Amino acid sequence: MTRWRAVGAGFALAACSEALVFAVTGRVTLIGGLAGSALAGYVAGKKPAEGAWHGLLTAMAWGIVLIPGLVALSVVTDAPLPFPIEYLLPFLDTAGEATALILLSASLPNVAAGALGSLTRRQDDRTRSGRRSPSSDPDES
């Protein structure tokens, strides 16, 4: 089941952090989306699969806003591509390779960040509970 509160929290963090980075540097990165996906995974729960799912949803929701914004920025201000894509694009030969790179860089790292957020939540819960054994945790099965 999707926890939209987790996706909303991740989206808010992605938007705020990217706005801050853009205000300071004048550049767009994909780092805000990673942070948002990690937060979404953390808020979603302790299962890595749930964290991965919520990280992906956060990335896709953020991408719906970010991509048109990047297109507008590139038309109006001649802004560069987001980091790290701007450095990888010269090594690609076809539009298909570029499309695959952009799609994979916008999804796979966010899935991993969401799963890592869930694992962090699990570790935090274990630390808070103290002596509880991992096998007694109902969310781990």
N, C-alpha and C. Protein backbone atom coordinates (compact mmCIF):
# COMPACT_ATOMS: atom_id res chain seq x y z
N MET A 1 0.83 -1.17 0.00
CA MET A 1 0.00 0.00 0.00
C MET A 1 0.89 1.25 0.00
N THR A 2 0.54 2.20 -0.78
CA THR A 2 1.34 3.42 -0.89
C THR A 2 1.00 4.37 0.25
N ARG A 3 2.03 4.87 0.87
CA ARG A 3 1.88 5.87 1.93
C ARG A 3 2.19 7.24 1.32
N TRP A 4 1.15 7.94 0.97
CA TRP A 4 1.30 9.21 0.26
C TRP A 4 1.94 10.28 1.12
N ARG A 5 1.82 10.15 2.43
CA ARG A 5 2.48 11.10 3.33
C ARG A 5 4.00 11.00 3.15
N ALA A 6 4.50 9.79 2.99
CA ALA A 6 5.94 9.59 2.78
C ALA A 6 6.38 10.20 1.45
N VAL A 7 5.58 9.99 0.41
CA VAL A 7 5.91 10.56 -0.91
C VAL A 7 5.87 12.09 -0.84
N GLY A 8 4.88 12.63 -0.15
CA GLY A 8 4.78 14.08 0.00
C GLY A 8 5.96 14.67 0.76
N ALA A 9 6.38 13.98 1.82
CA ALA A 9 7.53 14.45 2.59
C ALA A 9 8.80 14.42 1.74
N GLY A 10 8.98 13.34 0.98
CA GLY A 10 10.14 13.24 0.10
C GLY A 10 10.12 14.30 -0.99
N PHE A 11 8.95 14.53 -1.56
CA PHE A 11 8.81 15.56 -2.60
C PHE A 11 9.15 16.94 -2.03
N ALA A 12 8.64 17.22 -0.84
CA ALA A 12 8.92 18.53 -0.22
C ALA A 12 10.41 18.72 0.04
N LEU A 13 11.08 17.68 0.53
CA LEU A 13 12.52 17.78 0.76
C LEU A 13 13.27 17.96 -0.55
N ALA A 14 12.88 17.22 -1.59
CA ALA A 14 13.54 17.36 -2.90
C ALA A 14 13.37 18.78 -3.43
N ALA A 15 12.16 19.31 -3.36
CA ALA A 15 11.90 20.66 -3.88
C ALA A 15 12.68 21.71 -3.10
N CYS A 16 12.65 21.61 -1.79
CA CYS A 16 13.36 22.61 -0.96
C CYS A 16 14.87 22.55 -1.15
N SER A 17 15.42 21.34 -1.16
CA SER A 17 16.87 21.24 -1.29
C SER A 17 17.34 21.65 -2.68
N GLU A 18 16.59 21.29 -3.72
CA GLU A 18 16.97 21.71 -5.07
C GLU A 18 16.84 23.22 -5.24
N ALA A 19 15.81 23.81 -4.64
CA ALA A 19 15.66 25.27 -4.70
C ALA A 19 16.82 25.95 -4.00
N LEU A 20 17.25 25.41 -2.88
CA LEU A 20 18.38 25.97 -2.15
C LEU A 20 19.68 25.85 -2.96
N VAL A 21 19.91 24.67 -3.53
CA VAL A 21 21.12 24.48 -4.34
C VAL A 21 21.10 25.41 -5.55
N PHE A 22 19.95 25.55 -6.19
CA PHE A 22 19.87 26.43 -7.35
C PHE A 22 20.07 27.89 -6.95
N ALA A 23 19.53 28.29 -5.82
CA ALA A 23 19.70 29.68 -5.37
C ALA A 23 21.16 29.98 -5.06
N VAL A 24 21.86 29.02 -4.50
CA VAL A 24 23.25 29.24 -4.12
C VAL A 24 24.20 29.12 -5.31
N THR A 25 23.99 28.09 -6.15
CA THR A 25 24.96 27.81 -7.22
C THR A 25 24.48 28.17 -8.62
N GLY A 26 23.18 28.32 -8.80
CA GLY A 26 22.65 28.57 -10.14
C GLY A 26 22.62 27.31 -11.00
N ARG A 27 22.81 26.15 -10.39
CA ARG A 27 22.82 24.87 -11.11
C ARG A 27 21.77 23.95 -10.52
N VAL A 28 21.36 22.98 -11.32
CA VAL A 28 20.41 21.97 -10.89
C VAL A 28 21.15 20.64 -10.78
N THR A 29 20.88 19.90 -9.72
CA THR A 29 21.49 18.58 -9.53
C THR A 29 20.37 17.56 -9.38
N LEU A 30 20.76 16.32 -9.27
CA LEU A 30 19.79 15.27 -8.97
C LEU A 30 19.89 14.85 -7.51
N ILE A 31 20.66 15.58 -6.72
CA ILE A 31 20.91 15.23 -5.33
C ILE A 31 19.66 15.45 -4.47
N GLY A 32 18.90 16.48 -4.74
CA GLY A 32 17.68 16.73 -3.97
C GLY A 32 16.69 15.60 -4.10
N GLY A 33 16.57 15.04 -5.29
CA GLY A 33 15.69 13.90 -5.48
C GLY A 33 16.14 12.68 -4.70
N LEU A 34 17.46 12.49 -4.62
CA LEU A 34 17.98 11.37 -3.83
C LEU A 34 17.67 11.56 -2.35
N ALA A 35 17.86 12.76 -1.86
CA ALA A 35 17.55 13.03 -0.45
C ALA A 35 16.06 12.84 -0.18
N GLY A 36 15.23 13.30 -1.10
CA GLY A 36 13.79 13.13 -0.95
C GLY A 36 13.37 11.67 -0.98
N SER A 37 13.99 10.89 -1.84
CA SER A 37 13.68 9.46 -1.91
C SER A 37 14.11 8.75 -0.64
N ALA A 38 15.25 9.13 -0.10
CA ALA A 38 15.70 8.52 1.16
C ALA A 38 14.74 8.86 2.30
N LEU A 39 14.29 10.10 2.35
CA LEU A 39 13.32 10.48 3.38
C LEU A 39 12.01 9.72 3.20
N ALA A 40 11.56 9.60 1.96
CA ALA A 40 10.32 8.85 1.71
C ALA A 40 10.45 7.41 2.17
N GLY A 41 11.58 6.80 1.91
CA GLY A 41 11.81 5.43 2.38
C GLY A 41 11.83 5.35 3.89
N TYR A 42 12.41 6.34 4.53
CA TYR A 42 12.47 6.38 5.99
C TYR A 42 11.07 6.49 6.58
N VAL A 43 10.27 7.39 6.02
CA VAL A 43 8.92 7.62 6.53
C VAL A 43 8.00 6.43 6.22
N ALA A 44 8.23 5.77 5.09
CA ALA A 44 7.34 4.68 4.65
C ALA A 44 7.38 3.49 5.58
N GLY A 45 8.52 3.15 6.13
CA GLY A 45 8.57 1.99 7.02
C GLY A 45 9.91 1.30 6.99
N LYS A 46 9.94 0.11 7.61
CA LYS A 46 11.20 -0.60 7.81
C LYS A 46 11.52 -1.62 6.72
N LYS A 47 10.62 -1.88 5.82
CA LYS A 47 10.88 -2.87 4.77
C LYS A 47 11.57 -2.20 3.59
N PRO A 48 12.71 -2.73 3.18
CA PRO A 48 13.44 -2.12 2.05
C PRO A 48 12.62 -2.05 0.76
N ALA A 49 11.76 -3.03 0.52
CA ALA A 49 10.93 -3.00 -0.69
C ALA A 49 9.96 -1.83 -0.65
N GLU A 50 9.39 -1.57 0.50
CA GLU A 50 8.49 -0.41 0.63
C GLU A 50 9.27 0.89 0.46
N GLY A 51 10.45 0.94 1.04
CA GLY A 51 11.28 2.13 0.87
C GLY A 51 11.66 2.36 -0.57
N ALA A 52 12.00 1.28 -1.28
CA ALA A 52 12.35 1.40 -2.69
C ALA A 52 11.17 1.91 -3.50
N TRP A 53 9.99 1.37 -3.23
CA TRP A 53 8.78 1.80 -3.95
C TRP A 53 8.49 3.27 -3.70
N HIS A 54 8.54 3.68 -2.46
CA HIS A 54 8.26 5.08 -2.14
C HIS A 54 9.37 6.01 -2.65
N GLY A 55 10.60 5.53 -2.68
CA GLY A 55 11.67 6.31 -3.27
C GLY A 55 11.45 6.53 -4.76
N LEU A 56 11.00 5.47 -5.44
CA LEU A 56 10.70 5.60 -6.88
C LEU A 56 9.53 6.54 -7.12
N LEU A 57 8.47 6.42 -6.33
CA LEU A 57 7.33 7.32 -6.48
C LEU A 57 7.72 8.77 -6.25
N THR A 58 8.55 9.00 -5.26
CA THR A 58 9.02 10.36 -4.99
C THR A 58 9.84 10.89 -6.17
N ALA A 59 10.70 10.05 -6.72
CA ALA A 59 11.51 10.47 -7.86
C ALA A 59 10.63 10.80 -9.07
N MET A 60 9.62 10.00 -9.30
CA MET A 60 8.75 10.25 -10.45
C MET A 60 7.92 11.52 -10.24
N ALA A 61 7.41 11.70 -9.02
CA ALA A 61 6.64 12.92 -8.73
C ALA A 61 7.51 14.16 -8.86
N TRP A 62 8.73 14.08 -8.35
CA TRP A 62 9.65 15.21 -8.45
C TRP A 62 10.06 15.44 -9.89
N GLY A 63 10.24 14.37 -10.65
CA GLY A 63 10.61 14.50 -12.06
C GLY A 63 9.55 15.20 -12.89
N ILE A 64 8.28 15.00 -12.53
CA ILE A 64 7.19 15.66 -13.25
C ILE A 64 7.32 17.17 -13.13
N VAL A 65 7.84 17.64 -12.02
CA VAL A 65 8.05 19.08 -11.83
C VAL A 65 9.41 19.51 -12.37
N LEU A 66 10.43 18.71 -12.12
CA LEU A 66 11.80 19.10 -12.46
C LEU A 66 12.04 19.16 -13.96
N ILE A 67 11.59 18.19 -14.70
CA ILE A 67 11.91 18.13 -16.14
C ILE A 67 11.35 19.32 -16.90
N PRO A 68 10.06 19.67 -16.76
CA PRO A 68 9.62 20.90 -17.45
C PRO A 68 10.35 22.15 -16.97
N GLY A 69 10.70 22.17 -15.69
CA GLY A 69 11.48 23.30 -15.18
C GLY A 69 12.85 23.38 -15.81
N LEU A 70 13.49 22.23 -16.00
CA LEU A 70 14.81 22.21 -16.66
C LEU A 70 14.71 22.66 -18.11
N VAL A 71 13.66 22.22 -18.79
CA VAL A 71 13.47 22.64 -20.18
C VAL A 71 13.27 24.15 -20.24
N ALA A 72 12.45 24.68 -19.36
CA ALA A 72 12.24 26.14 -19.34
C ALA A 72 13.54 26.88 -19.02
N LEU A 73 14.30 26.38 -18.05
CA LEU A 73 15.57 27.02 -17.72
C LEU A 73 16.55 26.99 -18.88
N SER A 74 16.60 25.87 -19.59
CA SER A 74 17.54 25.77 -20.70
C SER A 74 17.15 26.69 -21.84
N VAL A 75 15.86 26.91 -22.04
CA VAL A 75 15.42 27.81 -23.11
C VAL A 75 15.64 29.27 -22.72
N VAL A 76 15.30 29.62 -21.50
CA VAL A 76 15.36 31.01 -21.05
C VAL A 76 16.78 31.44 -20.69
N THR A 77 17.52 30.59 -19.96
CA THR A 77 18.81 31.03 -19.43
C THR A 77 20.00 30.25 -19.98
N ASP A 78 19.77 29.31 -20.86
CA ASP A 78 20.84 28.47 -21.39
C ASP A 78 21.57 27.73 -20.27
N ALA A 79 20.79 27.20 -19.32
CA ALA A 79 21.35 26.47 -18.18
C ALA A 79 21.89 25.12 -18.63
N PRO A 80 22.93 24.64 -17.97
CA PRO A 80 23.48 23.32 -18.31
C PRO A 80 22.57 22.19 -17.83
N LEU A 81 22.83 21.00 -18.31
CA LEU A 81 22.11 19.82 -17.84
C LEU A 81 22.42 19.59 -16.37
N PRO A 82 21.55 18.85 -15.67
CA PRO A 82 21.83 18.61 -14.25
C PRO A 82 23.06 17.74 -14.04
N PHE A 83 23.70 17.98 -12.90
CA PHE A 83 24.82 17.14 -12.49
C PHE A 83 24.25 15.77 -12.15
N PRO A 84 24.83 14.68 -12.51
CA PRO A 84 26.06 14.37 -13.21
C PRO A 84 25.88 14.14 -14.71
N ILE A 85 24.66 14.34 -15.22
CA ILE A 85 24.37 14.02 -16.61
C ILE A 85 25.22 14.85 -17.57
N GLU A 86 25.48 16.10 -17.21
CA GLU A 86 26.25 16.97 -18.10
C GLU A 86 27.65 16.43 -18.37
N TYR A 87 28.21 15.68 -17.41
CA TYR A 87 29.55 15.14 -17.60
C TYR A 87 29.55 13.79 -18.31
N LEU A 88 28.44 13.08 -18.27
CA LEU A 88 28.36 11.77 -18.90
C LEU A 88 27.88 11.83 -20.35
N LEU A 89 27.11 12.84 -20.69
CA LEU A 89 26.53 12.94 -22.02
C LEU A 89 27.54 12.95 -23.16
N PRO A 90 28.70 13.58 -23.02
CA PRO A 90 29.67 13.56 -24.13
C PRO A 90 30.19 12.17 -24.49
N PHE A 91 30.07 11.22 -23.59
CA PHE A 91 30.54 9.86 -23.86
C PHE A 91 29.52 9.01 -24.61
N LEU A 92 28.34 9.54 -24.84
CA LEU A 92 27.27 8.79 -25.49
C LEU A 92 27.20 9.14 -26.97
N ASP A 93 26.82 8.15 -27.78
CA ASP A 93 26.82 8.35 -29.22
C ASP A 93 25.44 8.55 -29.83
N THR A 94 24.40 7.98 -29.22
CA THR A 94 23.08 8.04 -29.84
C THR A 94 22.06 8.63 -28.87
N ALA A 95 20.94 9.02 -29.43
CA ALA A 95 19.85 9.54 -28.60
C ALA A 95 19.29 8.45 -27.70
N GLY A 96 19.30 7.21 -28.16
CA GLY A 96 18.83 6.10 -27.33
C GLY A 96 19.68 5.91 -26.10
N GLU A 97 20.99 6.02 -26.25
CA GLU A 97 21.89 5.91 -25.09
C GLU A 97 21.64 7.05 -24.11
N ALA A 98 21.43 8.24 -24.63
CA ALA A 98 21.17 9.39 -23.77
C ALA A 98 19.84 9.22 -23.03
N THR A 99 18.83 8.74 -23.72
CA THR A 99 17.53 8.52 -23.08
C THR A 99 17.64 7.47 -21.99
N ALA A 100 18.32 6.38 -22.29
CA ALA A 100 18.50 5.33 -21.28
C ALA A 100 19.26 5.87 -20.07
N LEU A 101 20.29 6.65 -20.29
CA LEU A 101 21.06 7.23 -19.19
C LEU A 101 20.18 8.12 -18.33
N ILE A 102 19.41 8.96 -18.95
CA ILE A 102 18.56 9.89 -18.20
C ILE A 102 17.50 9.13 -17.41
N LEU A 103 16.85 8.16 -18.03
CA LEU A 103 15.81 7.39 -17.33
C LEU A 103 16.38 6.58 -16.18
N LEU A 104 17.53 5.94 -16.41
CA LEU A 104 18.13 5.14 -15.35
C LEU A 104 18.68 6.01 -14.22
N SER A 105 19.26 7.15 -14.56
CA SER A 105 19.81 8.01 -13.51
C SER A 105 18.71 8.71 -12.72
N ALA A 106 17.51 8.76 -13.29
CA ALA A 106 16.40 9.37 -12.58
C ALA A 106 15.60 8.35 -11.77
N SER A 107 15.89 7.06 -11.92
CA SER A 107 15.09 6.08 -11.19
C SER A 107 15.92 5.17 -10.29
N LEU A 108 16.92 4.50 -10.82
CA LEU A 108 17.64 3.50 -10.02
C LEU A 108 18.31 4.06 -8.77
N PRO A 109 19.00 5.19 -8.83
CA PRO A 109 19.58 5.72 -7.58
C PRO A 109 18.53 6.07 -6.54
N ASN A 110 17.36 6.51 -7.00
CA ASN A 110 16.29 6.86 -6.07
C ASN A 110 15.68 5.63 -5.42
N VAL A 111 15.60 4.54 -6.17
CA VAL A 111 15.12 3.28 -5.60
C VAL A 111 16.08 2.84 -4.50
N ALA A 112 17.37 2.90 -4.77
CA ALA A 112 18.37 2.51 -3.77
C ALA A 112 18.32 3.45 -2.56
N ALA A 113 18.14 4.74 -2.80
CA ALA A 113 18.07 5.69 -1.68
C ALA A 113 16.85 5.42 -0.82
N GLY A 114 15.72 5.10 -1.43
CA GLY A 114 14.52 4.78 -0.67
C GLY A 114 14.70 3.53 0.17
N ALA A 115 15.32 2.50 -0.41
CA ALA A 115 15.59 1.28 0.35
C ALA A 115 16.56 1.56 1.50
N LEU A 116 17.56 2.38 1.25
CA LEU A 116 18.50 2.76 2.31
C LEU A 116 17.81 3.55 3.41
N GLY A 117 16.86 4.40 3.04
CA GLY A 117 16.08 5.12 4.05
C GLY A 117 15.30 4.18 4.94
N SER A 118 14.71 3.13 4.35
CA SER A 118 13.97 2.15 5.15
C SER A 118 14.90 1.37 6.07
N LEU A 119 16.06 1.00 5.55
CA LEU A 119 17.02 0.29 6.39
C LEU A 119 17.51 1.16 7.55
N THR A 120 17.66 2.45 7.30
CA THR A 120 18.04 3.39 8.34
C THR A 120 16.95 3.47 9.40
N ARG A 121 15.70 3.48 8.95
CA ARG A 121 14.57 3.50 9.89
C ARG A 121 14.57 2.25 10.75
N ARG A 122 14.81 1.11 10.12
CA ARG A 122 14.86 -0.16 10.87
C ARG A 122 15.96 -0.10 11.93
N GLN A 123 17.13 0.39 11.54
CA GLN A 123 18.24 0.48 12.49
C GLN A 123 17.92 1.46 13.62
N ASP A 124 17.30 2.59 13.28
CA ASP A 124 16.92 3.56 14.31
C ASP A 124 15.92 2.95 15.30
N ASP A 125 14.96 2.20 14.79
CA ASP A 125 13.97 1.57 15.66
C ASP A 125 14.62 0.54 16.58
N ARG A 126 15.57 -0.21 16.04
CA ARG A 126 16.28 -1.20 16.87
C ARG A 126 17.09 -0.50 17.96
N THR A 127 17.73 0.59 17.60
CA THR A 127 18.54 1.33 18.57
C THR A 127 17.65 1.90 19.68
N ARG A 128 16.49 2.41 19.30
CA ARG A 128 15.57 2.98 20.29
C ARG A 128 14.99 1.92 21.22
N SER A 129 14.68 0.76 20.67
CA SER A 129 14.03 -0.27 21.48
C SER A 129 15.01 -1.02 22.37
N GLY A 130 16.29 -0.92 22.08
CA GLY A 130 17.30 -1.52 22.94
C GLY A 130 17.49 -3.01 22.73
N ARG A 131 16.92 -3.83 23.60
CA ARG A 131 17.24 -5.26 23.62
C ARG A 131 16.32 -6.11 22.76
N ARG A 132 15.44 -5.56 21.99
CA ARG A 132 14.52 -6.37 21.18
C ARG A 132 15.31 -7.14 20.11
N SER A 133 15.02 -8.41 19.96
CA SER A 133 15.73 -9.23 18.98
C SER A 133 15.15 -9.02 17.60
N PRO A 134 15.95 -9.16 16.53
CA PRO A 134 15.46 -8.97 15.17
C PRO A 134 14.34 -9.94 14.79
N SER A 135 14.34 -11.15 15.34
CA SER A 135 13.32 -12.12 14.97
C SER A 135 11.95 -11.80 15.55
N SER A 136 11.89 -10.94 16.58
CA SER A 136 10.60 -10.58 17.16
C SER A 136 9.95 -9.41 16.46
N ASP A 137 10.59 -8.85 15.45
CA ASP A 137 10.05 -7.71 14.72
C ASP A 137 9.08 -8.20 13.66
N PRO A 138 7.78 -7.87 13.75
CA PRO A 138 6.81 -8.37 12.78
C PRO A 138 6.99 -7.78 11.38
N ASP A 139 7.63 -6.60 11.26
CA ASP A 139 7.82 -5.98 9.94
C ASP A 139 8.93 -6.60 9.14
N GLU A 140 9.74 -7.46 9.75
CA GLU A 140 10.88 -8.03 9.04
C GLU A 140 10.52 -9.25 8.22
N SER A 141 9.38 -9.85 8.47
CA SER A 141 9.02 -11.06 7.73
C SER A 141 8.42 -10.75 6.39
